[in-house]
Amino acid sequence: MEKQAPVKVNQKRWLKNMGFGAIIFFSIKGLIWVGVFFGLFKFVGC
C-alpha cells in the first residue's frame, strides 16, 4: 500500500509537466496554422 502513494505523486508531476509542454506545443502549432492560412489568403488574393 505504501508504494502506491509515490506513484500518484509521480503521475501528478508527469501530468503537470506534460500540461506545460502541451500548452507550448499547441501554441506553436496554432501560430503555424495562422501563418499558413495568412499565406494562403495572401496567395489567393482574398
N, C-alpha and C. Protein backbone atom coordinates (compact mmCIF):
# COMPACT_ATOMS: atom_id res chain seq x y z
N MET A 1 0.82 -1.20 0.00
CA MET A 1 0.00 0.00 0.00
C MET A 1 0.86 1.26 0.00
N GLU A 2 2.02 1.21 0.61
CA GLU A 2 2.86 2.39 0.69
C GLU A 2 3.46 2.76 -0.67
N LYS A 3 3.60 1.78 -1.55
CA LYS A 3 4.20 2.04 -2.86
C LYS A 3 3.27 2.84 -3.77
N GLN A 4 1.97 2.81 -3.53
CA GLN A 4 1.02 3.48 -4.40
C GLN A 4 1.05 5.00 -4.25
N ALA A 5 1.31 5.50 -3.06
CA ALA A 5 1.31 6.95 -2.83
C ALA A 5 2.38 7.66 -3.67
N PRO A 6 3.65 7.19 -3.70
CA PRO A 6 4.63 7.87 -4.55
C PRO A 6 4.29 7.80 -6.04
N VAL A 7 3.64 6.72 -6.47
CA VAL A 7 3.27 6.60 -7.88
C VAL A 7 2.27 7.70 -8.23
N LYS A 8 1.30 7.96 -7.36
CA LYS A 8 0.32 9.01 -7.61
C LYS A 8 0.99 10.37 -7.67
N VAL A 9 1.96 10.61 -6.81
CA VAL A 9 2.69 11.88 -6.82
C VAL A 9 3.47 12.01 -8.13
N ASN A 10 4.12 10.94 -8.56
CA ASN A 10 4.86 10.97 -9.82
C ASN A 10 3.93 11.19 -11.01
N GLN A 11 2.75 10.60 -10.98
CA GLN A 11 1.78 10.80 -12.06
C GLN A 11 1.33 12.25 -12.11
N LYS A 12 1.11 12.86 -10.96
CA LYS A 12 0.70 14.27 -10.94
C LYS A 12 1.81 15.16 -11.49
N ARG A 13 3.04 14.88 -11.12
CA ARG A 13 4.17 15.65 -11.65
C ARG A 13 4.28 15.47 -13.16
N TRP A 14 4.11 14.23 -13.62
CA TRP A 14 4.20 13.93 -15.06
C TRP A 14 3.11 14.65 -15.82
N LEU A 15 1.88 14.60 -15.31
CA LEU A 15 0.77 15.28 -15.98
C LEU A 15 0.96 16.79 -15.97
N LYS A 16 1.50 17.32 -14.88
CA LYS A 16 1.74 18.76 -14.80
C LYS A 16 2.79 19.18 -15.82
N ASN A 17 3.89 18.43 -15.90
CA ASN A 17 4.93 18.74 -16.89
C ASN A 17 4.41 18.57 -18.31
N MET A 18 3.61 17.53 -18.54
CA MET A 18 3.03 17.31 -19.86
C MET A 18 2.06 18.43 -20.20
N GLY A 19 1.37 18.97 -19.21
CA GLY A 19 0.44 20.06 -19.43
C GLY A 19 1.15 21.30 -19.95
N PHE A 20 2.29 21.65 -19.35
CA PHE A 20 3.05 22.81 -19.81
C PHE A 20 3.59 22.57 -21.22
N GLY A 21 4.07 21.37 -21.47
CA GLY A 21 4.56 21.03 -22.80
C GLY A 21 3.45 21.08 -23.84
N ALA A 22 2.28 20.61 -23.45
CA ALA A 22 1.14 20.62 -24.38
C ALA A 22 0.73 22.05 -24.71
N ILE A 23 0.73 22.93 -23.72
CA ILE A 23 0.38 24.34 -23.96
C ILE A 23 1.36 24.96 -24.94
N ILE A 24 2.64 24.72 -24.74
CA ILE A 24 3.66 25.27 -25.64
C ILE A 24 3.51 24.67 -27.03
N PHE A 25 3.32 23.35 -27.11
CA PHE A 25 3.19 22.67 -28.41
C PHE A 25 2.00 23.20 -29.20
N PHE A 26 0.83 23.27 -28.56
CA PHE A 26 -0.37 23.69 -29.28
C PHE A 26 -0.32 25.18 -29.61
N SER A 27 0.35 25.98 -28.78
CA SER A 27 0.50 27.40 -29.11
C SER A 27 1.35 27.58 -30.37
N ILE A 28 2.45 26.85 -30.45
CA ILE A 28 3.31 26.93 -31.63
C ILE A 28 2.57 26.38 -32.85
N LYS A 29 1.87 25.27 -32.67
CA LYS A 29 1.10 24.68 -33.76
C LYS A 29 0.03 25.66 -34.26
N GLY A 30 -0.63 26.34 -33.34
CA GLY A 30 -1.64 27.33 -33.72
C GLY A 30 -1.03 28.49 -34.48
N LEU A 31 0.11 28.97 -34.05
CA LEU A 31 0.78 30.07 -34.76
C LEU A 31 1.19 29.65 -36.16
N ILE A 32 1.63 28.41 -36.31
CA ILE A 32 2.00 27.91 -37.64
C ILE A 32 0.77 27.88 -38.53
N TRP A 33 -0.37 27.40 -38.01
CA TRP A 33 -1.59 27.36 -38.83
C TRP A 33 -2.06 28.76 -39.19
N VAL A 34 -1.93 29.73 -38.27
CA VAL A 34 -2.29 31.12 -38.59
C VAL A 34 -1.42 31.60 -39.74
N GLY A 35 -0.13 31.30 -39.69
CA GLY A 35 0.77 31.68 -40.78
C GLY A 35 0.42 31.01 -42.09
N VAL A 36 0.04 29.74 -42.04
CA VAL A 36 -0.35 29.02 -43.25
C VAL A 36 -1.59 29.65 -43.87
N PHE A 37 -2.61 29.90 -43.07
CA PHE A 37 -3.83 30.50 -43.61
C PHE A 37 -3.60 31.92 -44.09
N PHE A 38 -2.77 32.68 -43.37
CA PHE A 38 -2.45 34.04 -43.79
C PHE A 38 -1.75 34.02 -45.15
N GLY A 39 -0.78 33.12 -45.30
CA GLY A 39 -0.07 32.99 -46.57
C GLY A 39 -0.99 32.51 -47.68
N LEU A 40 -1.91 31.61 -47.36
CA LEU A 40 -2.86 31.09 -48.36
C LEU A 40 -3.79 32.21 -48.83
N PHE A 41 -4.31 32.99 -47.89
CA PHE A 41 -5.19 34.09 -48.28
C PHE A 41 -4.44 35.15 -49.09
N LYS A 42 -3.20 35.36 -48.75
CA LYS A 42 -2.39 36.32 -49.50
C LYS A 42 -2.13 35.79 -50.90
N PHE A 43 -1.89 34.48 -51.03
CA PHE A 43 -1.63 33.87 -52.32
C PHE A 43 -2.87 33.88 -53.21
N VAL A 44 -4.05 33.58 -52.62
CA VAL A 44 -5.30 33.54 -53.37
C VAL A 44 -5.74 34.96 -53.71
N GLY A 45 -5.48 35.89 -52.83
CA GLY A 45 -5.82 37.29 -53.09
C GLY A 45 -7.13 37.73 -52.49
N CYS A 46 -7.58 37.09 -51.40
CA CYS A 46 -8.83 37.46 -50.75
C CYS A 46 -8.66 38.76 -49.98
